[in-house]
Structure formats: C-alpha cells, structure tokens
Amino acid sequence: MAGRGLRGDRPRACAVPARVLGARHDDPGPGRRPAALHARRVRGGERSVFAHEAIHPEQADELAARMHEMGINPAPILLVHRGPESVREVQRQVMAQTPDHAYTDRSGQDHRLWRITSPDHLTVIAEGLAGGRFMIADGHHRYAAYLRLQERHPGTPWDRGLTMVVDQDDTPFFLGPIHRTFKRRSLQALKTAAEAIGTTAREMPEADALRQLGPRAMVATDGHRWMVLDLPRTLT
C-alpha cells in the first residue's frame, strides 16, 4: 500500500466527495458522497456514536497496537447522521472552489479533497455536529481501537479519532452489492439459471454494468465479461 502524508500546521476539516466505482465523475446521483473528514473526540459515555455490530477483541487490539506504532490514524471510520443546513452550506461553499488535491487512482476512481481551515467554517461545523447522534456505517473495529488508545493514553491526541461523516439527508446512503464468489460456475450457467426464474440477463461493459446497480439489479462477472441481472419484483 502506498500513499502520501502531509503534516498540517493548524486545525482543519476536509470535504471529500467519495464515489462508488463506476459512477461518472459528473454524476449527481447516489454515486457521490460529499462528507466532512475531521477529528472527533471519542467519549463512549456520551453515546454520541452508536455501533450496531459486534467486534473481535483481538482484531481491535491489533489495530490499536498498529496505530500507536505508526503514530497516526491511517483510515477514518465512516459515520452517518442527519446534519443541519448550516454544515451543508459550508460544504457547498468550500466545494465550489478548486480542490486542494485531485488525482485518479489505479482503479480509475477520481479523488478530490478540499481543506477547511477558515475559523468561521470550523466553528459552524463544530457547532452543527455538537450534540449530534452518529451511527457507525463502517469501522467498528477501528472505533474500538480508538477507545482502547484513549483509555491507554488519556489527555493525549489519542483522545480523538479520524472520522468521515455523511449527512443522510443530503447524500443518503443506498444499499449496495455484497460480493459473493461461485466456484466452478460459469457466467453462462448463471445466466441460464437466472432466466429460468424470469430474470433478464444483459451483458455490457464493466462501467455500464456498475451504473445499473440498484434495488432490483445485480451485477455478475467472471473477470472478463460483465452481466446485469434484472430481478423480478417478486424477488425483491
């Protein structure tokens, strides 16, 4: 894994429009996920962050040890909440400017990042998020690692954890695919089985297939060909 780390000289948050693989760069739909990336104080007793999955303690211990060894939070946990209009307005203002960083990764996904350093903007964000209730969408083990580091190193920067916050009212989450592998089965065999229960199977290029993902559409691939399965309403 490779990356680039920069040390900042003042507090900041970041606006990051993450995309689902296959969504167009200019797609205003559910593929884009504007979010605020910031450090939030971790206090389990406040119950501002709600988990909904169990964890493996050993995995959380390993993560905490690795993070402490590196001295950084390598990846944010993903939180979802219902935010105020004031925070959304700050994001719109910031993201109307030229991004501070923009690049395309090896998988073809575009990434853009805006630093939010204005004291006024940071105050609006802090006040808008204060007292909020956040559900962990991804990162239960990392959150558990945050709590372990806070307990072991109180009064240090480990009191805070890196988070990516998504406003459900602004850019709502949608239920995406969960990958499954079928061994010793061809794409043609899957197509035949799908059509036998009334499902339409359509082959198309990878990017086009991924854009079709939805409540009644599944995508299958053998690594070379891509196929969209249109599920009948009786199955959804």
C-alpha atoms as a PDB file:
ATOM      1  CA  MET A   1       0.000   0.000   0.000  1.00  0.00           C
ATOM      2  CA  ALA A   2       1.325   3.438  -0.926  1.00  0.00           C
ATOM      3  CA  GLY A   3       0.139   6.883  -0.006  1.00  0.00           C
ATOM      4  CA  ARG A   4       1.162  10.422   0.783  1.00  0.00           C
ATOM      5  CA  GLY A   5       1.087  12.024   4.209  1.00  0.00           C
ATOM      6  CA  LEU A   6       1.235  15.761   4.887  1.00  0.00           C
ATOM      7  CA  ARG A   7       1.612  17.406   8.289  1.00  0.00           C
ATOM      8  CA  GLY A   8      -0.750  20.342   8.831  1.00  0.00           C
ATOM      9  CA  ASP A   9       0.128  23.371  10.907  1.00  0.00           C
ATOM     10  CA  ARG A  10      -3.392  24.200  12.124  1.00  0.00           C
ATOM     11  CA  PRO A  11      -6.748  22.509  12.825  1.00  0.00           C
ATOM     12  CA  ARG A  12      -8.763  21.621   9.788  1.00  0.00           C
ATOM     13  CA  ALA A  13     -11.546  19.516   8.404  1.00  0.00           C
ATOM     14  CA  CYS A  14     -11.783  18.275   4.841  1.00  0.00           C
ATOM     15  CA  ALA A  15     -14.556  17.888   2.292  1.00  0.00           C
ATOM     16  CA  VAL A  16     -14.237  14.697   0.269  1.00  0.00           C
ATOM     17  CA  PRO A  17     -16.721  13.652  -2.476  1.00  0.00           C
ATOM     18  CA  ALA A  18     -16.179   9.891  -2.489  1.00  0.00           C
ATOM     19  CA  ARG A  19     -17.648   7.938  -5.396  1.00  0.00           C
ATOM     20  CA  VAL A  20     -18.891   4.436  -5.936  1.00  0.00           C
ATOM     21  CA  LEU A  21     -16.798   2.596  -8.522  1.00  0.00           C
ATOM     22  CA  GLY A  22     -18.350   3.024 -11.950  1.00  0.00           C
ATOM     23  CA  ALA A  23     -20.229   6.263 -11.245  1.00  0.00           C
ATOM     24  CA  ARG A  24     -19.451   9.087 -13.642  1.00  0.00           C
ATOM     25  CA  HIS A  25     -17.317  11.992 -12.407  1.00  0.00           C
ATOM     26  CA  ASP A  26     -20.198  14.393 -13.122  1.00  0.00           C
ATOM     27  CA  ASP A  27     -22.917  12.073 -11.820  1.00  0.00           C
ATOM     28  CA  PRO A  28     -25.036  13.989  -9.262  1.00  0.00           C
ATOM     29  CA  GLY A  29     -26.760  10.806  -8.115  1.00  0.00           C
ATOM     30  CA  PRO A  30     -26.052   8.320  -5.352  1.00  0.00           C
ATOM     31  CA  GLY A  31     -22.525   7.605  -6.538  1.00  0.00           C
ATOM     32  CA  ARG A  32     -21.200  10.814  -4.961  1.00  0.00           C
ATOM     33  CA  ARG A  33     -20.755  11.178  -1.229  1.00  0.00           C
ATOM     34  CA  PRO A  34     -19.736  14.650  -0.017  1.00  0.00           C
ATOM     35  CA  ALA A  35     -18.515  14.234   3.534  1.00  0.00           C
ATOM     36  CA  ALA A  36     -16.639  16.122   6.214  1.00  0.00           C
ATOM     37  CA  LEU A  37     -13.424  14.495   7.356  1.00  0.00           C
ATOM     38  CA  HIS A  38     -12.376  15.581  10.814  1.00  0.00           C
ATOM     39  CA  ALA A  39     -11.206  14.508  14.242  1.00  0.00           C
ATOM     40  CA  ARG A  40     -13.957  13.955  16.775  1.00  0.00           C
ATOM     41  CA  ARG A  41     -13.399  13.480  20.499  1.00  0.00           C
ATOM     42  CA  VAL A  42     -14.115   9.893  21.474  1.00  0.00           C
ATOM     43  CA  ARG A  43     -16.127   9.531  24.663  1.00  0.00           C
ATOM     44  CA  GLY A  44     -18.009   6.292  24.989  1.00  0.00           C
ATOM     45  CA  GLY A  45     -20.135   7.503  27.896  1.00  0.00           C
ATOM     46  CA  GLU A  46     -21.634  10.331  25.867  1.00  0.00           C
ATOM     47  CA  ARG A  47     -23.287   7.874  23.487  1.00  0.00           C
ATOM     48  CA  SER A  48     -22.939  10.210  20.530  1.00  0.00           C
ATOM     49  CA  VAL A  49     -21.544   7.382  18.378  1.00  0.00           C
ATOM     50  CA  PHE A  50     -23.668   4.252  18.075  1.00  0.00           C
ATOM     51  CA  ALA A  51     -22.347   0.862  16.985  1.00  0.00           C
ATOM     52  CA  HIS A  52     -24.540  -1.935  15.663  1.00  0.00           C
ATOM     53  CA  GLU A  53     -22.059  -4.774  15.115  1.00  0.00           C
ATOM     54  CA  ALA A  54     -20.068  -6.969  17.473  1.00  0.00           C
ATOM     55  CA  ILE A  55     -16.281  -6.978  17.192  1.00  0.00           C
ATOM     56  CA  HIS A  56     -13.416  -9.429  17.650  1.00  0.00           C
ATOM     57  CA  PRO A  57     -11.404  -8.067  20.614  1.00  0.00           C
ATOM     58  CA  GLU A  58      -8.145  -9.488  19.270  1.00  0.00           C
ATOM     59  CA  GLN A  59      -8.584  -7.616  15.985  1.00  0.00           C
ATOM     60  CA  ALA A  60      -9.281  -4.339  17.797  1.00  0.00           C
ATOM     61  CA  ASP A  61      -6.183  -4.876  19.965  1.00  0.00           C
ATOM     62  CA  GLU A  62      -4.037  -5.470  16.878  1.00  0.00           C
ATOM     63  CA  LEU A  63      -5.391  -2.334  15.199  1.00  0.00           C
ATOM     64  CA  ALA A  64      -4.741  -0.234  18.290  1.00  0.00           C
ATOM     65  CA  ALA A  65      -1.164  -1.517  18.528  1.00  0.00           C
ATOM     66  CA  ARG A  66      -0.538  -0.842  14.841  1.00  0.00           C
ATOM     67  CA  MET A  67      -1.983   2.679  15.013  1.00  0.00           C
ATOM     68  CA  HIS A  68       0.099   3.500  18.079  1.00  0.00           C
ATOM     69  CA  GLU A  69       3.243   2.198  16.386  1.00  0.00           C
ATOM     70  CA  MET A  70       2.595   4.351  13.290  1.00  0.00           C
ATOM     71  CA  GLY A  71       1.513   7.350  15.357  1.00  0.00           C
ATOM     72  CA  ILE A  72      -1.397   8.121  13.019  1.00  0.00           C
ATOM     73  CA  ASN A  73      -4.990   7.219  12.208  1.00  0.00           C
ATOM     74  CA  PRO A  74      -4.422   5.523   8.813  1.00  0.00           C
ATOM     75  CA  ALA A  75      -8.100   5.494   7.805  1.00  0.00           C
ATOM     76  CA  PRO A  76     -11.283   7.152   9.092  1.00  0.00           C
ATOM     77  CA  ILE A  77     -14.309   5.373  10.415  1.00  0.00           C
ATOM     78  CA  LEU A  78     -17.479   6.119   8.449  1.00  0.00           C
ATOM     79  CA  LEU A  79     -20.323   7.757  10.370  1.00  0.00           C
ATOM     80  CA  VAL A  80     -23.802   8.664   9.166  1.00  0.00           C
ATOM     81  CA  HIS A  81     -26.101  11.245  10.736  1.00  0.00           C
ATOM     82  CA  ARG A  82     -28.739  13.836   9.920  1.00  0.00           C
ATOM     83  CA  GLY A  83     -26.915  17.144   9.797  1.00  0.00           C
ATOM     84  CA  PRO A  84     -28.032  20.777   9.860  1.00  0.00           C
ATOM     85  CA  GLU A  85     -28.300  23.021   6.821  1.00  0.00           C
ATOM     86  CA  SER A  86     -25.517  25.241   8.190  1.00  0.00           C
ATOM     87  CA  VAL A  87     -22.919  22.483   7.742  1.00  0.00           C
ATOM     88  CA  ARG A  88     -24.205  21.601   4.272  1.00  0.00           C
ATOM     89  CA  GLU A  89     -23.880  25.259   3.259  1.00  0.00           C
ATOM     90  CA  VAL A  90     -20.253  25.331   4.398  1.00  0.00           C
ATOM     91  CA  GLN A  91     -19.564  22.225   2.312  1.00  0.00           C
ATOM     92  CA  ARG A  92     -21.192  23.793  -0.756  1.00  0.00           C
ATOM     93  CA  GLN A  93     -19.145  26.970  -0.370  1.00  0.00           C
ATOM     94  CA  VAL A  94     -15.887  25.088   0.068  1.00  0.00           C
ATOM     95  CA  MET A  95     -16.500  22.607  -2.744  1.00  0.00           C
ATOM     96  CA  ALA A  96     -17.332  25.420  -5.176  1.00  0.00           C
ATOM     97  CA  GLN A  97     -13.615  26.277  -5.083  1.00  0.00           C
ATOM     98  CA  THR A  98     -10.713  24.489  -6.753  1.00  0.00           C
ATOM     99  CA  PRO A  99      -9.800  21.377  -4.727  1.00  0.00           C
ATOM    100  CA  ASP A 100      -6.528  21.353  -2.828  1.00  0.00           C
ATOM    101  CA  HIS A 101      -5.773  17.832  -4.038  1.00  0.00           C
ATOM    102  CA  ALA A 102      -7.151  15.932  -7.046  1.00  0.00           C
ATOM    103  CA  TYR A 103      -5.983  12.659  -8.555  1.00  0.00           C
ATOM    104  CA  THR A 104      -7.154   9.421 -10.157  1.00  0.00           C
ATOM    105  CA  ASP A 105      -6.098   6.170  -8.517  1.00  0.00           C
ATOM    106  CA  ARG A 106      -5.036   2.941 -10.213  1.00  0.00           C
ATOM    107  CA  SER A 107      -8.625   1.650 -10.291  1.00  0.00           C
ATOM    108  CA  GLY A 108      -9.796   4.698 -12.251  1.00  0.00           C
ATOM    109  CA  GLN A 109     -11.607   6.405  -9.385  1.00  0.00           C
ATOM    110  CA  ASP A 110     -11.316  10.172  -9.081  1.00  0.00           C
ATOM    111  CA  HIS A 111     -10.462  11.715  -5.718  1.00  0.00           C
ATOM    112  CA  ARG A 112     -10.745  15.374  -4.722  1.00  0.00           C
ATOM    113  CA  LEU A 113     -10.111  16.977  -1.355  1.00  0.00           C
ATOM    114  CA  TRP A 114     -10.750  20.454  -0.023  1.00  0.00           C
ATOM    115  CA  ARG A 115      -9.114  21.653   3.192  1.00  0.00           C
ATOM    116  CA  ILE A 116     -11.429  23.569   5.522  1.00  0.00           C
ATOM    117  CA  THR A 117      -9.232  25.885   7.591  1.00  0.00           C
ATOM    118  CA  SER A 118     -11.356  29.017   7.977  1.00  0.00           C
ATOM    119  CA  PRO A 119     -12.041  29.550  11.714  1.00  0.00           C
ATOM    120  CA  ASP A 120     -15.587  30.639  10.869  1.00  0.00           C
ATOM    121  CA  HIS A 121     -16.236  27.498   8.829  1.00  0.00           C
ATOM    122  CA  LEU A 122     -14.720  25.262  11.506  1.00  0.00           C
ATOM    123  CA  THR A 123     -16.903  26.916  14.143  1.00  0.00           C
ATOM    124  CA  VAL A 124     -20.042  26.304  12.081  1.00  0.00           C
ATOM    125  CA  ILE A 125     -19.079  22.645  11.608  1.00  0.00           C
ATOM    126  CA  ALA A 126     -18.226  22.156  15.290  1.00  0.00           C
ATOM    127  CA  GLU A 127     -21.474  23.751  16.445  1.00  0.00           C
ATOM    128  CA  GLY A 128     -23.505  21.881  13.830  1.00  0.00           C
ATOM    129  CA  LEU A 129     -22.105  18.496  14.845  1.00  0.00           C
ATOM    130  CA  ALA A 130     -22.078  19.103  18.601  1.00  0.00           C
ATOM    131  CA  GLY A 131     -24.720  17.072  20.358  1.00  0.00           C
ATOM    132  CA  GLY A 132     -25.412  15.018  17.237  1.00  0.00           C
ATOM    133  CA  ARG A 133     -26.028  11.286  17.091  1.00  0.00           C
ATOM    134  CA  PHE A 134     -23.856   9.288  14.700  1.00  0.00           C
ATOM    135  CA  MET A 135     -24.185   5.675  13.607  1.00  0.00           C
ATOM    136  CA  ILE A 136     -21.121   3.713  12.538  1.00  0.00           C
ATOM    137  CA  ALA A 137     -21.636   2.693   8.927  1.00  0.00           C
ATOM    138  CA  ASP A 138     -18.162   1.173   8.628  1.00  0.00           C
ATOM    139  CA  GLY A 139     -15.264   0.836  11.044  1.00  0.00           C
ATOM    140  CA  HIS A 140     -16.491  -0.893  14.189  1.00  0.00           C
ATOM    141  CA  HIS A 141     -13.066  -2.408  14.893  1.00  0.00           C
ATOM    142  CA  ARG A 142     -11.301   0.893  14.251  1.00  0.00           C
ATOM    143  CA  TYR A 143     -13.696   2.636  16.641  1.00  0.00           C
ATOM    144  CA  ALA A 144     -12.963   0.003  19.274  1.00  0.00           C
ATOM    145  CA  ALA A 145      -9.254   0.640  18.666  1.00  0.00           C
ATOM    146  CA  TYR A 146      -9.859   4.380  19.178  1.00  0.00           C
ATOM    147  CA  LEU A 147     -11.423   3.674  22.568  1.00  0.00           C
ATOM    148  CA  ARG A 148      -8.538   1.409  23.565  1.00  0.00           C
ATOM    149  CA  LEU A 149      -5.964   4.058  22.656  1.00  0.00           C
ATOM    150  CA  GLN A 150      -7.899   6.740  24.509  1.00  0.00           C
ATOM    151  CA  GLU A 151      -8.075   4.593  27.620  1.00  0.00           C
ATOM    152  CA  ARG A 152      -4.359   3.783  27.492  1.00  0.00           C
ATOM    153  CA  HIS A 153      -3.192   7.327  26.661  1.00  0.00           C
ATOM    154  CA  PRO A 154      -5.625   9.800  28.275  1.00  0.00           C
ATOM    155  CA  GLY A 155      -5.048  13.502  27.764  1.00  0.00           C
ATOM    156  CA  THR A 156      -3.084  12.964  24.538  1.00  0.00           C
ATOM    157  CA  PRO A 157      -4.011  13.304  20.844  1.00  0.00           C
ATOM    158  CA  TRP A 158      -5.359   9.743  21.098  1.00  0.00           C
ATOM    159  CA  ASP A 159      -8.421  11.336  22.702  1.00  0.00           C
ATOM    160  CA  ARG A 160      -9.529  11.989  19.134  1.00  0.00           C
ATOM    161  CA  GLY A 161     -10.280   9.723  16.200  1.00  0.00           C
ATOM    162  CA  LEU A 162     -10.441  10.350  12.474  1.00  0.00           C
ATOM    163  CA  THR A 163     -13.950  10.134  11.021  1.00  0.00           C
ATOM    164  CA  MET A 164     -15.733  10.628   7.727  1.00  0.00           C
ATOM    165  CA  VAL A 165     -19.232  11.976   8.332  1.00  0.00           C
ATOM    166  CA  VAL A 166     -22.021  11.546   5.771  1.00  0.00           C
ATOM    167  CA  ASP A 167     -25.259  13.515   6.055  1.00  0.00           C
ATOM    168  CA  GLN A 168     -28.117  11.108   5.347  1.00  0.00           C
ATOM    169  CA  ASP A 169     -30.477  13.980   4.478  1.00  0.00           C
ATOM    170  CA  ASP A 170     -28.039  15.488   1.972  1.00  0.00           C
ATOM    171  CA  THR A 171     -26.409  12.473   0.289  1.00  0.00           C
ATOM    172  CA  PRO A 172     -28.259   9.398   1.565  1.00  0.00           C
ATOM    173  CA  PHE A 173     -26.649   6.003   1.670  1.00  0.00           C
ATOM    174  CA  PHE A 174     -28.051   3.269  -0.527  1.00  0.00           C
ATOM    175  CA  LEU A 175     -27.802  -0.478  -0.176  1.00  0.00           C
ATOM    176  CA  GLY A 176     -25.039  -1.598  -2.483  1.00  0.00           C
ATOM    177  CA  PRO A 177     -23.798  -5.029  -3.517  1.00  0.00           C
ATOM    178  CA  ILE A 178     -22.210  -7.615  -1.281  1.00  0.00           C
ATOM    179  CA  HIS A 179     -19.725  -9.654  -3.291  1.00  0.00           C
ATOM    180  CA  ARG A 180     -20.076 -13.403  -3.441  1.00  0.00           C
ATOM    181  CA  THR A 181     -17.981 -15.946  -5.342  1.00  0.00           C
ATOM    182  CA  PHE A 182     -19.444 -19.025  -7.030  1.00  0.00           C
ATOM    183  CA  LYS A 183     -16.733 -21.616  -7.647  1.00  0.00           C
ATOM    184  CA  ARG A 184     -16.797 -23.882 -10.692  1.00  0.00           C
ATOM    185  CA  ARG A 185     -19.711 -21.978 -12.229  1.00  0.00           C
ATOM    186  CA  SER A 186     -19.562 -20.074 -15.500  1.00  0.00           C
ATOM    187  CA  LEU A 187     -21.241 -16.772 -16.267  1.00  0.00           C
ATOM    188  CA  GLN A 188     -23.308 -18.582 -18.893  1.00  0.00           C
ATOM    189  CA  ALA A 189     -24.546 -21.054 -16.261  1.00  0.00           C
ATOM    190  CA  LEU A 190     -25.609 -18.148 -14.051  1.00  0.00           C
ATOM    191  CA  LYS A 191     -27.400 -16.529 -16.980  1.00  0.00           C
ATOM    192  CA  THR A 192     -29.281 -19.753 -17.749  1.00  0.00           C
ATOM    193  CA  ALA A 193     -30.324 -20.176 -14.103  1.00  0.00           C
ATOM    194  CA  ALA A 194     -31.409 -16.548 -13.829  1.00  0.00           C
ATOM    195  CA  GLU A 195     -33.528 -16.694 -16.970  1.00  0.00           C
ATOM    196  CA  ALA A 196     -35.177 -19.883 -15.686  1.00  0.00           C
ATOM    197  CA  ILE A 197     -36.758 -17.889 -12.833  1.00  0.00           C
ATOM    198  CA  GLY A 198     -37.794 -14.958 -15.010  1.00  0.00           C
ATOM    199  CA  THR A 199     -34.748 -12.736 -14.573  1.00  0.00           C
ATOM    200  CA  THR A 200     -33.406 -10.781 -17.533  1.00  0.00           C
ATOM    201  CA  ALA A 201     -29.639 -11.088 -18.010  1.00  0.00           C
ATOM    202  CA  ARG A 202     -27.884  -8.387 -20.052  1.00  0.00           C
ATOM    203  CA  GLU A 203     -24.186  -8.310 -20.932  1.00  0.00           C
ATOM    204  CA  MET A 204     -22.479  -4.923 -21.159  1.00  0.00           C
ATOM    205  CA  PRO A 205     -19.135  -3.206 -20.442  1.00  0.00           C
ATOM    206  CA  GLU A 206     -17.955  -3.024 -16.822  1.00  0.00           C
ATOM    207  CA  ALA A 207     -18.594   0.698 -16.257  1.00  0.00           C
ATOM    208  CA  ASP A 208     -22.089   0.477 -17.757  1.00  0.00           C
ATOM    209  CA  ALA A 209     -22.910  -2.573 -15.652  1.00  0.00           C
ATOM    210  CA  LEU A 210     -21.835  -0.922 -12.393  1.00  0.00           C
ATOM    211  CA  ARG A 211     -24.045   2.074 -13.131  1.00  0.00           C
ATOM    212  CA  GLN A 212     -27.040  -0.265 -13.284  1.00  0.00           C
ATOM    213  CA  LEU A 213     -26.696  -1.379  -9.646  1.00  0.00           C
ATOM    214  CA  GLY A 214     -29.915  -0.782  -7.738  1.00  0.00           C
ATOM    215  CA  PRO A 215     -32.645  -2.359  -5.607  1.00  0.00           C
ATOM    216  CA  ARG A 216     -33.677  -4.650  -8.479  1.00  0.00           C
ATOM    217  CA  ALA A 217     -30.387  -5.057 -10.324  1.00  0.00           C
ATOM    218  CA  MET A 218     -27.398  -7.290  -9.577  1.00  0.00           C
ATOM    219  CA  VAL A 219     -24.072  -7.409 -11.396  1.00  0.00           C
ATOM    220  CA  ALA A 220     -22.103 -10.583 -12.104  1.00  0.00           C
ATOM    221  CA  THR A 221     -18.684 -11.015 -13.687  1.00  0.00           C
ATOM    222  CA  ASP A 222     -16.140 -13.726 -14.399  1.00  0.00           C
ATOM    223  CA  GLY A 223     -13.383 -11.133 -14.577  1.00  0.00           C
ATOM    224  CA  HIS A 224     -13.724 -10.731 -18.337  1.00  0.00           C
ATOM    225  CA  ARG A 225     -17.427 -10.349 -19.093  1.00  0.00           C
ATOM    226  CA  TRP A 226     -19.987  -8.335 -17.136  1.00  0.00           C
ATOM    227  CA  MET A 227     -23.697  -9.033 -16.848  1.00  0.00           C
ATOM    228  CA  VAL A 228     -26.645  -7.239 -15.224  1.00  0.00           C
ATOM    229  CA  LEU A 229     -29.428  -9.357 -13.723  1.00  0.00           C
ATOM    230  CA  ASP A 230     -32.773  -7.530 -13.581  1.00  0.00           C
ATOM    231  CA  LEU A 231     -34.615  -9.114 -10.670  1.00  0.00           C
ATOM    232  CA  PRO A 232     -38.396  -9.543 -10.902  1.00  0.00           C
ATOM    233  CA  ARG A 233     -40.377  -7.696  -8.221  1.00  0.00           C
ATOM    234  CA  THR A 234     -41.415 -10.999  -6.658  1.00  0.00           C
ATOM    235  CA  LEU A 235     -37.775 -11.490  -5.579  1.00  0.00           C
ATOM    236  CA  THR A 236     -37.125  -8.005  -4.097  1.00  0.00           C
END
